PDB file of N, CA and C in Angstrom:
ATOM      1  N   MET A   1    -128.315  21.566 -22.750  1.00  0.00           N
ATOM      2  CA  MET A   1    -127.376  21.692 -23.866  1.00  0.00           C
ATOM      3  C   MET A   1    -127.911  21.010 -25.132  1.00  0.00           C
ATOM      4  N   MET A   2    -128.462  19.870 -24.915  1.00  0.00           N
ATOM      5  CA  MET A   2    -128.983  19.100 -26.039  1.00  0.00           C
ATOM      6  C   MET A   2    -130.088  19.856 -26.776  1.00  0.00           C
ATOM      7  N   THR A   3    -130.991  20.380 -25.986  1.00  0.00           N
ATOM      8  CA  THR A   3    -132.105  21.139 -26.555  1.00  0.00           C
ATOM      9  C   THR A   3    -131.585  22.319 -27.368  1.00  0.00           C
ATOM     10  N   MET A   4    -130.639  23.012 -26.782  1.00  0.00           N
ATOM     11  CA  MET A   4    -130.046  24.172 -27.435  1.00  0.00           C
ATOM     12  C   MET A   4    -129.467  23.790 -28.804  1.00  0.00           C
ATOM     13  N   THR A   5    -128.695  22.735 -28.806  1.00  0.00           N
ATOM     14  CA  THR A   5    -128.056  22.297 -30.054  1.00  0.00           C
ATOM     15  C   THR A   5    -129.098  21.944 -31.113  1.00  0.00           C
ATOM     16  N   THR A   6    -130.125  21.224 -30.685  1.00  0.00           N
ATOM     17  CA  THR A   6    -131.172  20.801 -31.620  1.00  0.00           C
ATOM     18  C   THR A   6    -131.862  22.010 -32.242  1.00  0.00           C
ATOM     19  N   THR A   7    -132.221  22.952 -31.379  1.00  0.00           N
ATOM     20  CA  THR A   7    -132.902  24.158 -31.865  1.00  0.00           C
ATOM     21  C   THR A   7    -132.023  24.910 -32.854  1.00  0.00           C
ATOM     22  N   ARG A   8    -130.766  25.040 -32.469  1.00  0.00           N
ATOM     23  CA  ARG A   8    -129.828  25.759 -33.316  1.00  0.00           C
ATOM     24  C   ARG A   8    -129.718  25.072 -34.687  1.00  0.00           C
ATOM     25  N   ARG A   9    -129.600  23.776 -34.644  1.00  0.00           N
ATOM     26  CA  ARG A   9    -129.487  22.985 -35.862  1.00  0.00           C
ATOM     27  C   ARG A   9    -130.720  23.206 -36.750  1.00  0.00           C
ATOM     28  N   ARG A  10    -131.863  23.155 -36.126  1.00  0.00           N
ATOM     29  CA  ARG A  10    -133.125  23.370 -36.840  1.00  0.00           C
ATOM     30  C   ARG A  10    -133.127  24.734 -37.530  1.00  0.00           C
ATOM     31  N   THR A  11    -132.795  25.724 -36.753  1.00  0.00           N
ATOM     32  CA  THR A  11    -132.764  27.088 -37.293  1.00  0.00           C
ATOM     33  C   THR A  11    -131.802  27.184 -38.472  1.00  0.00           C
ATOM     34  N   THR A  12    -130.643  26.583 -38.306  1.00  0.00           N
ATOM     35  CA  THR A  12    -129.639  26.618 -39.374  1.00  0.00           C
ATOM     36  C   THR A  12    -130.181  25.969 -40.645  1.00  0.00           C
ATOM     37  N   THR A  13    -130.818  24.837 -40.495  1.00  0.00           N
ATOM     38  CA  THR A  13    -131.386  24.140 -41.652  1.00  0.00           C
ATOM     39  C   THR A  13    -132.418  25.012 -42.357  1.00  0.00           C
ATOM     40  N   ILE A  14    -133.268  25.638 -41.577  1.00  0.00           N
ATOM     41  CA  ILE A  14    -134.312  26.514 -42.122  1.00  0.00           C
ATOM     42  C   ILE A  14    -133.673  27.665 -42.898  1.00  0.00           C
ATOM     43  N   THR A  15    -132.682  28.277 -42.281  1.00  0.00           N
ATOM     44  CA  THR A  15    -131.985  29.398 -42.921  1.00  0.00           C
ATOM     45  C   THR A  15    -131.336  28.957 -44.229  1.00  0.00           C
ATOM     46  N   MET A  16    -130.732  27.796 -44.189  1.00  0.00           N
ATOM     47  CA  MET A  16    -130.084  27.243 -45.377  1.00  0.00           C
ATOM     48  C   MET A  16    -131.100  27.043 -46.500  1.00  0.00           C
ATOM     49  N   LYS A  17    -132.221  26.498 -46.125  1.00  0.00           N
ATOM     50  CA  LYS A  17    -133.306  26.273 -47.078  1.00  0.00           C
ATOM     51  C   LYS A  17    -133.755  27.588 -47.700  1.00  0.00           C
ATOM     52  N   MET A  18    -133.933  28.555 -46.834  1.00  0.00           N
ATOM     53  CA  MET A  18    -134.354  29.880 -47.275  1.00  0.00           C
ATOM     54  C   MET A  18    -133.334  30.472 -48.251  1.00  0.00           C
ATOM     55  N   MET A  19    -132.092  30.353 -47.876  1.00  0.00           N
ATOM     56  CA  MET A  19    -131.007  30.865 -48.706  1.00  0.00           C
ATOM     57  C   MET A  19    -131.020  30.194 -50.084  1.00  0.00           C
ATOM     58  N   MET A  20    -131.198  28.906 -50.067  1.00  0.00           N
ATOM     59  CA  MET A  20    -131.255  28.137 -51.304  1.00  0.00           C
ATOM     60  C   MET A  20    -132.399  28.622 -52.192  1.00  0.00           C
ATOM     61  N   MET A  21    -133.533  28.800 -51.571  1.00  0.00           N
ATOM     62  CA  MET A  21    -134.718  29.280 -52.282  1.00  0.00           C
ATOM     63  C   MET A  21    -134.449  30.629 -52.924  1.00  0.00           C
ATOM     64  N   MET A  22    -133.886  31.511 -52.129  1.00  0.00           N
ATOM     65  CA  MET A  22    -133.578  32.857 -52.594  1.00  0.00           C
ATOM     66  C   MET A  22    -132.616  32.817 -53.785  1.00  0.00           C
ATOM     67  N   MET A  23    -131.613  32.010 -53.640  1.00  0.00           N
ATOM     68  CA  MET A  23    -130.608  31.875 -54.689  1.00  0.00           C
ATOM     69  C   MET A  23    -131.228  31.381 -55.996  1.00  0.00           C
ATOM     70  N   THR A  24    -132.035  30.358 -55.864  1.00  0.00           N
ATOM     71  CA  THR A  24    -132.700  29.797 -57.049  1.00  0.00           C
ATOM     72  C   THR A  24    -133.598  30.832 -57.722  1.00  0.00           C
ATOM     73  N   LEU A  25    -134.338  31.548 -56.895  1.00  0.00           N
ATOM     74  CA  LEU A  25    -135.237  32.582 -57.407  1.00  0.00           C
ATOM     75  C   LEU A  25    -134.457  33.643 -58.163  1.00  0.00           C
ATOM     76  N   MET A  26    -133.370  34.078 -57.559  1.00  0.00           N
ATOM     77  CA  MET A  26    -132.524  35.090 -58.172  1.00  0.00           C
ATOM     78  C   MET A  26    -131.990  34.608 -59.523  1.00  0.00           C
ATOM     79  N   MET A  27    -131.544  33.389 -59.538  1.00  0.00           N
ATOM     80  CA  MET A  27    -131.010  32.794 -60.761  1.00  0.00           C
ATOM     81  C   MET A  27    -132.064  32.761 -61.861  1.00  0.00           C
ATOM     82  N   MET A  28    -133.247  32.327 -61.479  1.00  0.00           N
ATOM     83  CA  MET A  28    -134.349  32.246 -62.420  1.00  0.00           C
ATOM     84  C   MET A  28    -134.688  33.621 -62.987  1.00  0.00           C
ATOM     85  N   ILE A  29    -134.750  34.591 -62.115  1.00  0.00           N
ATOM     86  CA  ILE A  29    -135.078  35.958 -62.525  1.00  0.00           C
ATOM     87  C   ILE A  29    -134.038  36.467 -63.520  1.00  0.00           C
ATOM     88  N   THR A  30    -132.781  36.253 -63.179  1.00  0.00           N
ATOM     89  CA  THR A  30    -131.689  36.716 -64.045  1.00  0.00           C
ATOM     90  C   THR A  30    -131.759  36.066 -65.422  1.00  0.00           C
ATOM     91  N   THR A  31    -131.987  34.766 -65.425  1.00  0.00           N
ATOM     92  CA  THR A  31    -132.082  34.035 -66.696  1.00  0.00           C
ATOM     93  C   THR A  31    -133.226  34.571 -67.548  1.00  0.00           C
ATOM     94  N   MET A  32    -134.358  34.775 -66.911  1.00  0.00           N
ATOM     95  CA  MET A  32    -135.541  35.291 -67.603  1.00  0.00           C
ATOM     96  C   MET A  32    -135.248  36.643 -68.239  1.00  0.00           C
ATOM     97  N   THR A  33    -134.688  37.520 -67.440  1.00  0.00           N
ATOM     98  CA  THR A  33    -134.384  38.872 -67.919  1.00  0.00           C
ATOM     99  C   THR A  33    -133.424  38.841 -69.099  1.00  0.00           C
ATOM    100  N   THR A  34    -132.382  38.027 -68.970  1.00  0.00           N
ATOM    101  CA  THR A  34    -131.382  37.931 -70.042  1.00  0.00           C
ATOM    102  C   THR A  34    -132.005  37.434 -71.337  1.00  0.00           C
ATOM    103  N   ILE A  35    -132.827  36.415 -71.222  1.00  0.00           N
ATOM    104  CA  ILE A  35    -133.473  35.832 -72.399  1.00  0.00           C
ATOM    105  C   ILE A  35    -134.408  36.848 -73.057  1.00  0.00           C
ATOM    106  N   THR A  36    -135.167  37.551 -72.242  1.00  0.00           N
ATOM    107  CA  THR A  36    -136.088  38.569 -72.770  1.00  0.00           C
ATOM    108  C   THR A  36    -135.316  39.668 -73.496  1.00  0.00           C
ATOM    109  N   MET A  37    -134.222  40.092 -72.884  1.00  0.00           N
ATOM    110  CA  MET A  37    -133.385  41.126 -73.478  1.00  0.00           C
ATOM    111  C   MET A  37    -132.842  40.675 -74.835  1.00  0.00           C
ATOM    112  N   LEU A  38    -132.380  39.452 -74.879  1.00  0.00           N
ATOM    113  CA  LEU A  38    -131.851  38.876 -76.117  1.00  0.00           C
ATOM    114  C   LEU A  38    -132.914  38.854 -77.204  1.00  0.00           C
ATOM    115  N   LEU A  39    -134.097  38.446 -76.821  1.00  0.00           N
ATOM    116  CA  LEU A  39    -135.218  38.382 -77.759  1.00  0.00           C
ATOM    117  C   LEU A  39    -135.537  39.762 -78.319  1.00  0.00           C
ATOM    118  N   VAL A  40    -135.567  40.731 -77.423  1.00  0.00           N
ATOM    119  CA  VAL A  40    -135.858  42.112 -77.816  1.00  0.00           C
ATOM    120  C   VAL A  40    -134.806  42.605 -78.805  1.00  0.00           C
ATOM    121  N   ILE A  41    -133.546  42.337 -78.484  1.00  0.00           N
ATOM    122  CA  ILE A  41    -132.439  42.753 -79.347  1.00  0.00           C
ATOM    123  C   ILE A  41    -132.574  42.131 -80.734  1.00  0.00           C
ATOM    124  N   VAL A  42    -132.875  40.854 -80.741  1.00  0.00           N
ATOM    125  CA  VAL A  42    -133.042  40.125 -82.005  1.00  0.00           C
ATOM    126  C   VAL A  42    -134.168  40.726 -82.838  1.00  0.00           C
ATOM    127  N   THR A  43    -135.278  40.998 -82.187  1.00  0.00           N
ATOM    128  CA  THR A  43    -136.429  41.590 -82.880  1.00  0.00           C
ATOM    129  C   THR A  43    -136.077  42.960 -83.459  1.00  0.00           C
ATOM    130  N   ILE A  44    -135.361  43.758 -82.677  1.00  0.00           N
ATOM    131  CA  ILE A  44    -134.951  45.086 -83.122  1.00  0.00           C
ATOM    132  C   ILE A  44    -134.058  44.976 -84.354  1.00  0.00           C
ATOM    133  N   MET A  45    -133.132  44.040 -84.280  1.00  0.00           N
ATOM    134  CA  MET A  45    -132.219  43.805 -85.398  1.00  0.00           C
ATOM    135  C   MET A  45    -132.979  43.431 -86.664  1.00  0.00           C
ATOM    136  N   LEU A  46    -133.934  42.546 -86.503  1.00  0.00           N
ATOM    137  CA  LEU A  46    -134.760  42.107 -87.626  1.00  0.00           C
ATOM    138  C   LEU A  46    -135.526  43.275 -88.233  1.00  0.00           C
ATOM    139  N   LEU A  47    -136.080  44.095 -87.375  1.00  0.00           N
ATOM    140  CA  LEU A  47    -136.830  45.264 -87.824  1.00  0.00           C
ATOM    141  C   LEU A  47    -135.938  46.217 -88.605  1.00  0.00           C
ATOM    142  N   LEU A  48    -134.750  46.443 -88.080  1.00  0.00           N
ATOM    143  CA  LEU A  48    -133.788  47.313 -88.742  1.00  0.00           C
ATOM    144  C   LEU A  48    -133.429  46.780 -90.126  1.00  0.00           C
ATOM    145  N   LEU A  49    -133.211  45.492 -90.180  1.00  0.00           N
ATOM    146  CA  LEU A  49    -132.896  44.837 -91.450  1.00  0.00           C
ATOM    147  C   LEU A  49    -134.018  45.027 -92.459  1.00  0.00           C
ATOM    148  N   LEU A  50    -135.229  44.831 -91.985  1.00  0.00           N
ATOM    149  CA  LEU A  50    -136.401  44.993 -92.839  1.00  0.00           C
ATOM    150  C   LEU A  50    -136.512  46.421 -93.357  1.00  0.00           C
ATOM    151  N   MET A  51    -136.275  47.356 -92.465  1.00  0.00           N
ATOM    152  CA  MET A  51    -136.337  48.769 -92.834  1.00  0.00           C
ATOM    153  C   MET A  51    -135.303  49.102 -93.904  1.00  0.00           C
ATOM    154  N   THR A  52    -134.107  48.605 -93.697  1.00  0.00           N
ATOM    155  CA  THR A  52    -133.034  48.842 -94.668  1.00  0.00           C
ATOM    156  C   THR A  52    -133.388  48.258 -96.034  1.00  0.00           C
ATOM    157  N   MET A  53    -133.942  47.055 -95.984  1.00  0.00           N
ATOM    158  CA  MET A  53    -134.366  46.377 -97.213  1.00  0.00           C
ATOM    159  C   MET A  53    -135.381  47.225 -97.964  1.00  0.00           C
ATOM    160  N   LEU A  54    -136.338  47.723 -97.214  1.00  0.00           N
ATOM    161  CA  LEU A  54    -137.389  48.553 -97.811  1.00  0.00           C
ATOM    162  C   LEU A  54    -136.804  49.805 -98.453  1.00  0.00           C
ATOM    163  N   LEU A  55    -135.913  50.444 -97.728  1.00  0.00           N
ATOM    164  CA  LEU A  55    -135.270  51.653 -98.228  1.00  0.00           C
ATOM    165  C   LEU A  55    -134.511  51.379 -99.519  1.00  0.00           C
ATOM    166  N   LEU A  56    -133.783  50.289 -99.503  1.00  0.00           N
ATOM    167  CA  LEU A  56    -133.031  49.885-100.689  1.00  0.00           C
ATOM    168  C   LEU A  56    -133.955  49.641-101.871  1.00  0.00           C
ATOM    169  N   MET A  57    -135.046  48.969-101.591  1.00  0.00           N
ATOM    170  CA  MET A  57    -136.034  48.677-102.625  1.00  0.00           C
ATOM    171  C   MET A  57    -136.588  49.963-103.217  1.00  0.00           C
ATOM    172  N   MET A  58    -136.895  50.886-102.345  1.00  0.00           N
ATOM    173  CA  MET A  58    -137.434  52.174-102.775  1.00  0.00           C
ATOM    174  C   MET A  58    -136.443  52.883-103.697  1.00  0.00           C
ATOM    175  N   ARG A  59    -135.199  52.920-103.287  1.00  0.00           N
ATOM    176  CA  ARG A  59    -134.158  53.576-104.072  1.00  0.00           C
ATOM    177  C   ARG A  59    -134.021  52.931-105.442  1.00  0.00           C
ATOM    178  N   TRP A  60    -133.987  51.599-105.416  1.00  0.00           N
ATOM    179  CA  TRP A  60    -133.846  50.832-106.644  1.00  0.00           C
ATOM    180  C   TRP A  60    -134.997  51.128-107.601  1.00  0.00           C
ATOM    181  N   ARG A  61    -136.186  51.181-107.051  1.00  0.00           N
ATOM    182  CA  ARG A  61    -137.386  51.460-107.830  1.00  0.00           C
ATOM    183  C   ARG A  61    -137.284  52.841-108.478  1.00  0.00           C
ATOM    184  N   ARG A  62    -136.872  53.800-107.686  1.00  0.00           N
ATOM    185  CA  ARG A  62    -136.744  55.166-108.194  1.00  0.00           C
ATOM    186  C   ARG A  62    -135.766  55.212-109.365  1.00  0.00           C
ATOM    187  N   ARG A  63    -134.647  54.533-109.168  1.00  0.00           N
ATOM    188  CA  ARG A  63    -133.621  54.477-110.213  1.00  0.00           C
ATOM    189  C   ARG A  63    -134.174  53.865-111.498  1.00  0.00           C
ATOM    190  N   SER A  64    -134.858  52.745-111.327  1.00  0.00           N
ATOM    191  CA  SER A  64    -135.441  52.049-112.477  1.00  0.00           C
ATOM    192  C   SER A  64    -136.424  52.976-113.200  1.00  0.00           C
ATOM    193  N   ARG A  65    -137.201  53.688-112.415  1.00  0.00           N
ATOM    194  CA  ARG A  65    -138.199  54.597-112.973  1.00  0.00           C
ATOM    195  C   ARG A  65    -137.516  55.684-113.808  1.00  0.00           C
ATOM    196  N   THR A  66    -136.488  56.254-113.249  1.00  0.00           N
ATOM    197  CA  THR A  66    -135.779  57.330-113.947  1.00  0.00           C
ATOM    198  C   THR A  66    -135.137  56.836-115.240  1.00  0.00           C
ATOM    199  N   ARG A  67    -134.574  55.628-115.167  1.00  0.00           N
ATOM    200  CA  ARG A  67    -133.907  55.050-116.333  1.00  0.00           C
ATOM    201  C   ARG A  67    -134.879  54.777-117.487  1.00  0.00           C
ATOM    202  N   THR A  68    -135.935  54.029-117.155  1.00  0.00           N
ATOM    203  CA  THR A  68    -136.858  53.587-118.210  1.00  0.00           C
ATOM    204  C   THR A  68    -137.739  54.721-118.736  1.00  0.00           C
ATOM    205  N   THR A  69    -138.077  54.597-119.993  1.00  0.00           N
ATOM    206  CA  THR A  69    -138.925  55.608-120.629  1.00  0.00           C
ATOM    207  C   THR A  69    -140.388  55.209-120.588  1.00  0.00           C
ATOM    208  N   THR A  70    -140.635  53.896-120.740  1.00  0.00           N
ATOM    209  CA  THR A  70    -142.018  53.405-120.738  1.00  0.00           C
ATOM    210  C   THR A  70    -142.586  53.464-119.322  1.00  0.00           C
ATOM    211  N   THR A  71    -143.780  53.966-119.201  1.00  0.00           N
ATOM    212  CA  THR A  71    -144.387  54.156-117.885  1.00  0.00           C
ATOM    213  C   THR A  71    -145.155  52.938-117.391  1.00  0.00           C
ATOM    214  N   THR A  72    -145.837  52.274-118.272  1.00  0.00           N
ATOM    215  CA  THR A  72    -146.704  51.142-117.887  1.00  0.00           C
ATOM    216  C   THR A  72    -145.927  50.028-117.200  1.00  0.00           C
ATOM    217  N   LYS A  73    -144.831  49.635-117.833  1.00  0.00           N
ATOM    218  CA  LYS A  73    -144.001  48.546-117.296  1.00  0.00           C
ATOM    219  C   LYS A  73    -143.528  48.873-115.874  1.00  0.00           C
ATOM    220  N   THR A  74    -143.002  50.046-115.730  1.00  0.00           N
ATOM    221  CA  THR A  74    -142.463  50.464-114.430  1.00  0.00           C
ATOM    222  C   THR A  74    -143.535  50.420-113.347  1.00  0.00           C
ATOM    223  N   THR A  75    -144.695  50.952-113.672  1.00  0.00           N
ATOM    224  CA  THR A  75    -145.784  50.983-112.689  1.00  0.00           C
ATOM    225  C   THR A  75    -146.145  49.583-112.223  1.00  0.00           C
ATOM    226  N   THR A  76    -146.279  48.687-113.184  1.00  0.00           N
ATOM    227  CA  THR A  76    -146.634  47.304-112.842  1.00  0.00           C
ATOM    228  C   THR A  76    -145.584  46.689-111.930  1.00  0.00           C
ATOM    229  N   THR A  77    -144.329  46.878-112.298  1.00  0.00           N
ATOM    230  CA  THR A  77    -143.236  46.311-111.507  1.00  0.00           C
ATOM    231  C   THR A  77    -143.251  46.868-110.087  1.00  0.00           C
ATOM    232  N   THR A  78    -143.426  48.183-110.004  1.00  0.00           N
ATOM    233  CA  THR A  78    -143.437  48.822-108.686  1.00  0.00           C
ATOM    234  C   THR A  78    -144.540  48.248-107.805  1.00  0.00           C
ATOM    235  N   THR A  79    -145.722  48.135-108.371  1.00  0.00           N
ATOM    236  CA  THR A  79    -146.848  47.610-107.591  1.00  0.00           C
ATOM    237  C   THR A  79    -146.558  46.208-107.082  1.00  0.00           C
ATOM    238  N   THR A  80    -146.049  45.372-107.967  1.00  0.00           N
ATOM    239  CA  THR A  80    -145.737  43.991-107.578  1.00  0.00           C
ATOM    240  C   THR A  80    -144.697  43.960-106.469  1.00  0.00           C
ATOM    241  N   THR A  81    -143.650  44.755-106.643  1.00  0.00           N
ATOM    242  CA  THR A  81    -142.580  44.784-105.648  1.00  0.00           C
ATOM    243  C   THR A  81    -143.101  45.241-104.292  1.00  0.00           C
ATOM    244  N   THR A  82    -143.905  46.284-104.313  1.00  0.00           N
ATOM    245  CA  THR A  82    -144.452  46.804-103.058  1.00  0.00           C
ATOM    246  C   THR A  82    -145.273  45.741-102.342  1.00  0.00           C
ATOM    247  N   THR A  83    -146.117  45.082-103.090  1.00  0.00           N
ATOM    248  CA  THR A  83    -146.962  44.044-102.490  1.00  0.00           C
ATOM    249  C   THR A  83    -146.120  42.933-101.888  1.00  0.00           C
ATOM    250  N   THR A  84    -145.126  42.498-102.639  1.00  0.00           N
ATOM    251  CA  THR A  84    -144.257  41.422-102.156  1.00  0.00           C
ATOM    252  C   THR A  84    -143.524  41.834-100.887  1.00  0.00           C
ATOM    253  N   THR A  85    -142.985  43.039-100.908  1.00  0.00           N
ATOM    254  CA  THR A  85    -142.248  43.532 -99.739  1.00  0.00           C
ATOM    255  C   THR A  85    -143.143  43.621 -98.508  1.00  0.00           C
ATOM    256  N   THR A  86    -144.322  44.150 -98.709  1.00  0.00           N
ATOM    257  CA  THR A  86    -145.262  44.284 -97.590  1.00  0.00           C
ATOM    258  C   THR A  86    -145.637  42.927 -97.020  1.00  0.00           C
ATOM    259  N   THR A  87    -145.907  41.998 -97.922  1.00  0.00           N
ATOM    260  CA  THR A  87    -146.267  40.645 -97.482  1.00  0.00           C
ATOM    261  C   THR A  87    -145.124  40.014 -96.706  1.00  0.00           C
ATOM    262  N   MET A  88    -143.920  40.209 -97.234  1.00  0.00           N
ATOM    263  CA  MET A  88    -142.726  39.673 -96.580  1.00  0.00           C
ATOM    264  C   MET A  88    -142.563  40.259 -95.185  1.00  0.00           C
ATOM    265  N   MET A  89    -142.763  41.565 -95.114  1.00  0.00           N
ATOM    266  CA  MET A  89    -142.666  42.271 -93.840  1.00  0.00           C
ATOM    267  C   MET A  89    -143.646  41.691 -92.834  1.00  0.00           C
ATOM    268  N   MET A  90    -144.873  41.573 -93.276  1.00  0.00           N
ATOM    269  CA  MET A  90    -145.929  41.053 -92.418  1.00  0.00           C
ATOM    270  C   MET A  90    -145.600  39.648 -91.937  1.00  0.00           C
ATOM    271  N   MET A  91    -145.159  38.833 -92.853  1.00  0.00           N
ATOM    272  CA  MET A  91    -144.804  37.454 -92.530  1.00  0.00           C
ATOM    273  C   MET A  91    -143.684  37.396 -91.501  1.00  0.00           C
ATOM    274  N   MET A  92    -142.685  38.211 -91.746  1.00  0.00           N
ATOM    275  CA  MET A  92    -141.532  38.252 -90.846  1.00  0.00           C
ATOM    276  C   MET A  92    -141.948  38.689 -89.449  1.00  0.00           C
ATOM    277  N   MET A  93    -142.768  39.721 -89.412  1.00  0.00           N
ATOM    278  CA  MET A  93    -143.251  40.247 -88.141  1.00  0.00           C
ATOM    279  C   MET A  93    -144.031  39.181 -87.387  1.00  0.00           C
ATOM    280  N   MET A  94    -144.915  38.534 -88.096  1.00  0.00           N
ATOM    281  CA  MET A  94    -145.736  37.485 -87.502  1.00  0.00           C
ATOM    282  C   MET A  94    -144.869  36.363 -86.948  1.00  0.00           C
ATOM    283  N   MET A  95    -143.899  35.975 -87.731  1.00  0.00           N
ATOM    284  CA  MET A  95    -142.988  34.905 -87.330  1.00  0.00           C
ATOM    285  C   MET A  95    -142.222  35.279 -86.064  1.00  0.00           C
ATOM    286  N   THR A  96    -141.719  36.491 -86.063  1.00  0.00           N
ATOM    287  CA  THR A  96    -140.966  36.974 -84.899  1.00  0.00           C
ATOM    288  C   THR A  96    -141.828  37.004 -83.648  1.00  0.00           C
ATOM    289  N   MET A  97    -143.047  37.508 -83.830  1.00  0.00           N
ATOM    290  CA  MET A  97    -143.976  37.592 -82.708  1.00  0.00           C
ATOM    291  C   MET A  97    -144.299  36.202 -82.168  1.00  0.00           C
ATOM    292  N   MET A  98    -144.542  35.290 -83.083  1.00  0.00           N
ATOM    293  CA  MET A  98    -144.847  33.913 -82.710  1.00  0.00           C
ATOM    294  C   MET A  98    -143.693  33.297 -81.933  1.00  0.00           C
ATOM    295  N   MET A  99    -142.508  33.537 -82.438  1.00  0.00           N
ATOM    296  CA  MET A  99    -141.307  33.007 -81.791  1.00  0.00           C
ATOM    297  C   MET A  99    -141.162  33.564 -80.379  1.00  0.00           C
ATOM    298  N   MET A 100    -141.382  34.858 -80.269  1.00  0.00           N
ATOM    299  CA  MET A 100    -141.289  35.533 -78.977  1.00  0.00           C
ATOM    300  C   MET A 100    -142.273  34.926 -77.989  1.00  0.00           C
ATOM    301  N   THR A 101    -143.511  34.806 -78.429  1.00  0.00           N
ATOM    302  CA  THR A 101    -144.562  34.270 -77.556  1.00  0.00           C
ATOM    303  C   THR A 101    -144.244  32.849 -77.124  1.00  0.00           C
ATOM    304  N   MET A 102    -143.789  32.056 -78.084  1.00  0.00           N
ATOM    305  CA  MET A 102    -143.444  30.666 -77.800  1.00  0.00           C
ATOM    306  C   MET A 102    -142.332  30.576 -76.761  1.00  0.00           C
ATOM    307  N   MET A 103    -141.325  31.403 -76.970  1.00  0.00           N
ATOM    308  CA  MET A 103    -140.187  31.416 -76.052  1.00  0.00           C
ATOM    309  C   MET A 103    -140.619  31.808 -74.645  1.00  0.00           C
ATOM    310  N   MET A 104    -141.456  32.823 -74.589  1.00  0.00           N
ATOM    311  CA  MET A 104    -141.939  33.309 -73.301  1.00  0.00           C
ATOM    312  C   MET A 104    -142.733  32.224 -72.587  1.00  0.00           C
ATOM    313  N   MET A 105    -143.592  31.571 -73.334  1.00  0.00           N
ATOM    314  CA  MET A 105    -144.409  30.501 -72.772  1.00  0.00           C
ATOM    315  C   MET A 105    -143.531  29.381 -72.230  1.00  0.00           C
ATOM    316  N   MET A 106    -142.550  29.021 -73.015  1.00  0.00           N
ATOM    317  CA  MET A 106    -141.621  27.965 -72.618  1.00  0.00           C
ATOM    318  C   MET A 106    -140.890  28.341 -71.332  1.00  0.00           C
ATOM    319  N   MET A 107    -140.456  29.587 -71.291  1.00  0.00           N
ATOM    320  CA  MET A 107    -139.728  30.075 -70.123  1.00  0.00           C
ATOM    321  C   MET A 107    -140.609  30.045 -68.880  1.00  0.00           C
ATOM    322  N   MET A 108    -141.837  30.458 -69.060  1.00  0.00           N
ATOM    323  CA  MET A 108    -142.781  30.471 -67.946  1.00  0.00           C
ATOM    324  C   MET A 108    -143.004  29.054 -67.424  1.00  0.00           C
ATOM    325  N   MET A 109    -143.163  28.137 -68.347  1.00  0.00           N
ATOM    326  CA  MET A 109    -143.360  26.738 -67.979  1.00  0.00           C
ATOM    327  C   MET A 109    -142.164  26.208 -67.201  1.00  0.00           C
ATOM    328  N   MET A 110    -140.993  26.549 -67.692  1.00  0.00           N
ATOM    329  CA  MET A 110    -139.757  26.125 -67.036  1.00  0.00           C
ATOM    330  C   MET A 110    -139.669  26.684 -65.625  1.00  0.00           C
ATOM    331  N   MET A 111    -140.033  27.941 -65.505  1.00  0.00           N
ATOM    332  CA  MET A 111    -140.014  28.608 -64.205  1.00  0.00           C
ATOM    333  C   MET A 111    -140.939  27.889 -63.233  1.00  0.00           C
ATOM    334  N   MET A 112    -142.132  27.614 -63.692  1.00  0.00           N
ATOM    335  CA  MET A 112    -143.122  26.935 -62.861  1.00  0.00           C
ATOM    336  C   MET A 112    -142.604  25.575 -62.407  1.00  0.00           C
ATOM    337  N   MET A 113    -142.028  24.866 -63.337  1.00  0.00           N
ATOM    338  CA  MET A 113    -141.482  23.544 -63.033  1.00  0.00           C
ATOM    339  C   MET A 113    -140.383  23.628 -61.980  1.00  0.00           C
ATOM    340  N   MET A 114    -139.518  24.594 -62.170  1.00  0.00           N
ATOM    341  CA  MET A 114    -138.405  24.794 -61.240  1.00  0.00           C
ATOM    342  C   MET A 114    -138.915  25.103 -59.844  1.00  0.00           C
ATOM    343  N   ILE A 115    -139.897  25.985 -59.779  1.00  0.00           N
ATOM    344  CA  ILE A 115    -140.474  26.385 -58.494  1.00  0.00           C
ATOM    345  C   ILE A 115    -141.102  25.180 -57.804  1.00  0.00           C
ATOM    346  N   MET A 116    -141.825  24.418 -58.586  1.00  0.00           N
ATOM    347  CA  MET A 116    -142.475  23.224 -58.043  1.00  0.00           C
ATOM    348  C   MET A 116    -141.446  22.249 -57.483  1.00  0.00           C
ATOM    349  N   MET A 117    -140.409  22.057 -58.234  1.00  0.00           N
ATOM    350  CA  MET A 117    -139.337  21.155 -57.807  1.00  0.00           C
ATOM    351  C   MET A 117    -138.704  21.634 -56.505  1.00  0.00           C
ATOM    352  N   MET A 118    -138.448  22.922 -56.460  1.00  0.00           N
ATOM    353  CA  MET A 118    -137.831  23.518 -55.273  1.00  0.00           C
ATOM    354  C   MET A 118    -138.724  23.336 -54.056  1.00  0.00           C
ATOM    355  N   MET A 119    -139.994  23.570 -54.259  1.00  0.00           N
ATOM    356  CA  MET A 119    -140.963  23.436 -53.169  1.00  0.00           C
ATOM    357  C   MET A 119    -140.982  21.999 -52.655  1.00  0.00           C
ATOM    358  N   MET A 120    -140.987  21.077 -53.581  1.00  0.00           N
ATOM    359  CA  MET A 120    -140.990  19.659 -53.225  1.00  0.00           C
ATOM    360  C   MET A 120    -139.755  19.301 -52.407  1.00  0.00           C
ATOM    361  N   ILE A 121    -138.625  19.807 -52.845  1.00  0.00           N
ATOM    362  CA  ILE A 121    -137.363  19.543 -52.149  1.00  0.00           C
ATOM    363  C   ILE A 121    -137.417  20.122 -50.738  1.00  0.00           C
ATOM    364  N   MET A 122    -137.931  21.341 -50.641  1.00  0.00           N
ATOM    365  CA  MET A 122    -137.987  22.014 -49.341  1.00  0.00           C
ATOM    366  C   MET A 122    -138.955  21.328 -48.375  1.00  0.00           C
ATOM    367  N   MET A 123    -140.035  20.817 -48.913  1.00  0.00           N
ATOM    368  CA  MET A 123    -141.057  20.205 -48.061  1.00  0.00           C
ATOM    369  C   MET A 123    -140.549  18.932 -47.383  1.00  0.00           C
ATOM    370  N   ARG A 124    -139.636  18.263 -48.044  1.00  0.00           N
ATOM    371  CA  ARG A 124    -139.136  17.005 -47.489  1.00  0.00           C
ATOM    372  C   ARG A 124    -138.485  17.188 -46.129  1.00  0.00           C
TER     373      ARG A 124
END
């Protein structure tokens, strides 16, 4: 009887450990996915905003062109605006990408740490 109980207890502990591991893994996966999704959504939103800005700028430029009679002034303004907008776009894109990469790296590090901790706990 004693042997039976001990074995059963052992098995139960192992199963519990396994269950815990599985649960933690699932949680980690879910968190990762949610964060990635959020990041993607944010990036999409930013892109949309940038696109709208560009469109607005284009419209405004066209209007200014139609209004003004002098050609030289308008051309200069348009060129400057285009350059500024493009630079802004590039900067924004770079920033977003950097942020994304940083976040991903951080998440990966966190995951690794969590796994290590779990392993340590289980080994005891």
